[in-house]
Amino acid sequence: MPQSKRLLSAGGGGRRNGGGGCRPPVVPFLFLCLLAPLLFFATRGSTRIPSSSRTSGFLGRKTPGWKEQLIIKHLKPILTKEVVDLISASQREMGQWSLDYLRTHHISSSWQIDGAGIVDVDNSTVTEVNMIPQNASTVEKSNSAKSDDDARVGSVGTKNKDSKETLDGHERVDSPAKIARRQMRERRREKRAKELLKQDDETLVRLENAAIERSKVVDSAILGKYSIWRRDSENENSDSTVRLMRDQIIMARIYTVLAKSKNRLDLYQELLTSIKDSQRAVGEANTDADLHHSAPVKMKAMGQVLSRAREALYDCKAVIQRLRVMLQSADDQVRSLKKQSTFLSQLAAKTIPNGIHCLSMRLTIDYYLLPLEKRVFPRSENLESQNHYHYALFSDNVLAASVVVNSTIMNAKEPEKHVFHLVTDKLNFGAMNMWFLLNPPGNATIHVQNVDDFKWLNSSYCPVLRQLESAAMKEYYFKADHPTTLSAGSSNLKYRNPKYLSMLNHLRFYLPEVYPKLDKILFLDDDIVVQKDLTALWSVDLKGNVNGAVETCGESFHRFDKYLNFSNPHLARNFDPNACGWAYGMNVFDLEEWKKKDITGIYHKWQNMNEDRVLWKLGTLPPGLLTFYKLTHPLDKSWHVLGLGYNPSIDLSEIHNAAVIHYNGNMKPWLELAMTKYRPYWTKYIKYDHPYIKGCKLIE
């Protein structure tokens, strides 16, 4: 350091003492002697200093040394102002200025350094950095490797998040505008990423919802367990082998016909043998698990035979013709089986189970063994009281009648105020009396009558009785053209049900004659179950109508044109074919209005006009619709829910909320063909431990 000062002063003295003549080039000499080494050490010396000491030196230095000041002083006339300012700023802020700084910082917008390779700084790998002209379109490229550069190059402990470090350890502080732009870009990236994630989630939800809606449209009755959400563990084709073997049998039958027609008797016999073997292997199996263990072997053998038959006999036109014949034959067979099924179901509906017949016979025997004084029911004074709730029940089924009475009493708030008027036929009169004598309905009143004791109910007064005695009606009912097959006998079989022949079914049109001293009565069928207290029905205002009933019409179902023949001019002139139908089974009748409007007379009129069954077939609902036309008050549907005898898809909530449920249809709850899921609503009102029921082997 002193030596440098002496040289400087000597040089200065030389300038002063030198008066004239030829002066030596002092300035270039000093530039070469001093500036070149300083530039060398300034640019290269920093890479040889350990990063820790270099960093501490940079951080500790606040003012530039005399060498730097001298260099800046002599370079000002040579370099541009922009370069000088950059050098000064670098000296003030980051210490020594080096060429490494040029690699990572833009000195001028027109400068570009290409081919800058990987530099090893303190055993760290630095990714190649290419400097390009800075403009608005390339701002984001300068920040793409920020996090990697900070992690690999940084040797200083903690940095500000808005600062960067050069390859030689220098730290560059970005301007506030650049920091703001970087933060804005980061926010835009985060916002865009969130939007993309949200769009992905929304797309997935839409796809899932669309798939679920599609799965609801699929007809499960056809596709079985098909579901796009089914578990992989479920076997979708549990009957694939069975179906394949049956298809093989069908094709083998076609080839037998072709083989016989082409006189290929050897192949014909082979096909017959394979058909028999496959039929034995399949048997009655409906799933692959039910197949005989020899089924795979038989299926393979059948496949080989069919392959040979195809090579020798296949004729597309002939195969199509044989398949058409088989399809027509199968269709005819299905129609015949459907008729037979209808006949058998109607037959089952008409029959009485052995247990109920046994119960009726035993009760009848025991009743007639009773002394006369023990055959009387108590509380007979309530039978005509206007202060009690009166029910009319017409039945020849002891067990069914007991369920109606028991369910009504068990759900009544005041059982002692309820009076049951039962009417049955001569065959079941003793059984009905004996059952309720042995099992009285609590404090309620009950009375049993025999329909044959109504002397006023004869053929001269009642059109139905007169028609039943006619030869044409006997022919229709009892001979039915002597059908020789089940399918032939199924024609109009439902109209030949014995209930249509019984006056118990038509007695509902004669309620004022049966109960002349009552003003209002609730009519109940014997295939219903009461689930709530019914006393509120007596306070319903019928608004001058005679019948209070629940309407059953939907869009076009259960309207008048379903039951009546509107091609007849009498019906077409007097009734609306789209009028809403209603249900028998639970009906409130105002007997005072009945008498005023002569309802029984209206019924007789239409019954006489239907002697040859041109207005309707048989039954009591069609004449009821005509008789009570515009005289029926609609009740709330929750009072009476129908269809438990034929409709398997009734909403269970409707059943639970109903006051009365009705097993209308062929599947009565006391029959074996009853629907299992509806039967418990009926069986819970039967005491299966009762001696008579146990003795007749009636089981739940």
Foldseek 3Di string as FASTA:
>chain_A
DVVVVVVVVVVVVCVVPDDDDDDDPPVVVCCVVQVVVVQVCLAPVLLPDDPVVLQVVQVPDADDDPSVVVVLVVCPVPDDPLQSVVCVVCCRAGNGDYVLVVLLDPSDLPDWDPPQCWDQRPNFTDHDDTDHRDDDVCLVVSCPCQVVQCVGQAPDDDDDPQWGATNSGTIDHDDPVSSVVVVVVVVVVVVVVVVVVVVVVVVVVVVVVVQVVVQVPDDCVVQPPDHPPDDPPDDSPQAVLVVLLVVLLVLLVLLLVQCVVVVVVVLNVVSVVLNVVSCVQNPVDPGPVPGDPCNVVSSVSSVVSSVVSCVVGDDPVSSVVVVVVVVVVVVVVVLLVVLLVLLVLLVLLQDDDLLQVLLQVVQLVVLVVDDPVLLDWPPPVLPQDQQAAEEEEEDLGQLLQLQALQLQQVFAPDQLRYEYEYEYAPSRQSSNSSVCSVVPNPNHHYDYYHPVVPPVPAVVQAVLNVLCPDPVNCCVQPCVVPDPDSSSCSVVSNLNRCVLVDCSQVCVLVVCVVRVNYFKHKYAYSQKHFNHHDPVVVVDDLPLFFKEFAWDDDPQPQFLLVFWDCVDVVDVVPHDRRHIFTDPGIMMGRVVSCVVVVLSVQLRVVSVVCSVPRTGNTGDRNSVCRSRPVRYRHDDPLAEAEDQQPDPDDDVVSVNSHRMYGNPHSQGLQGPNGDPVPNVSRCVSDDCVDPSNVVSVRDD
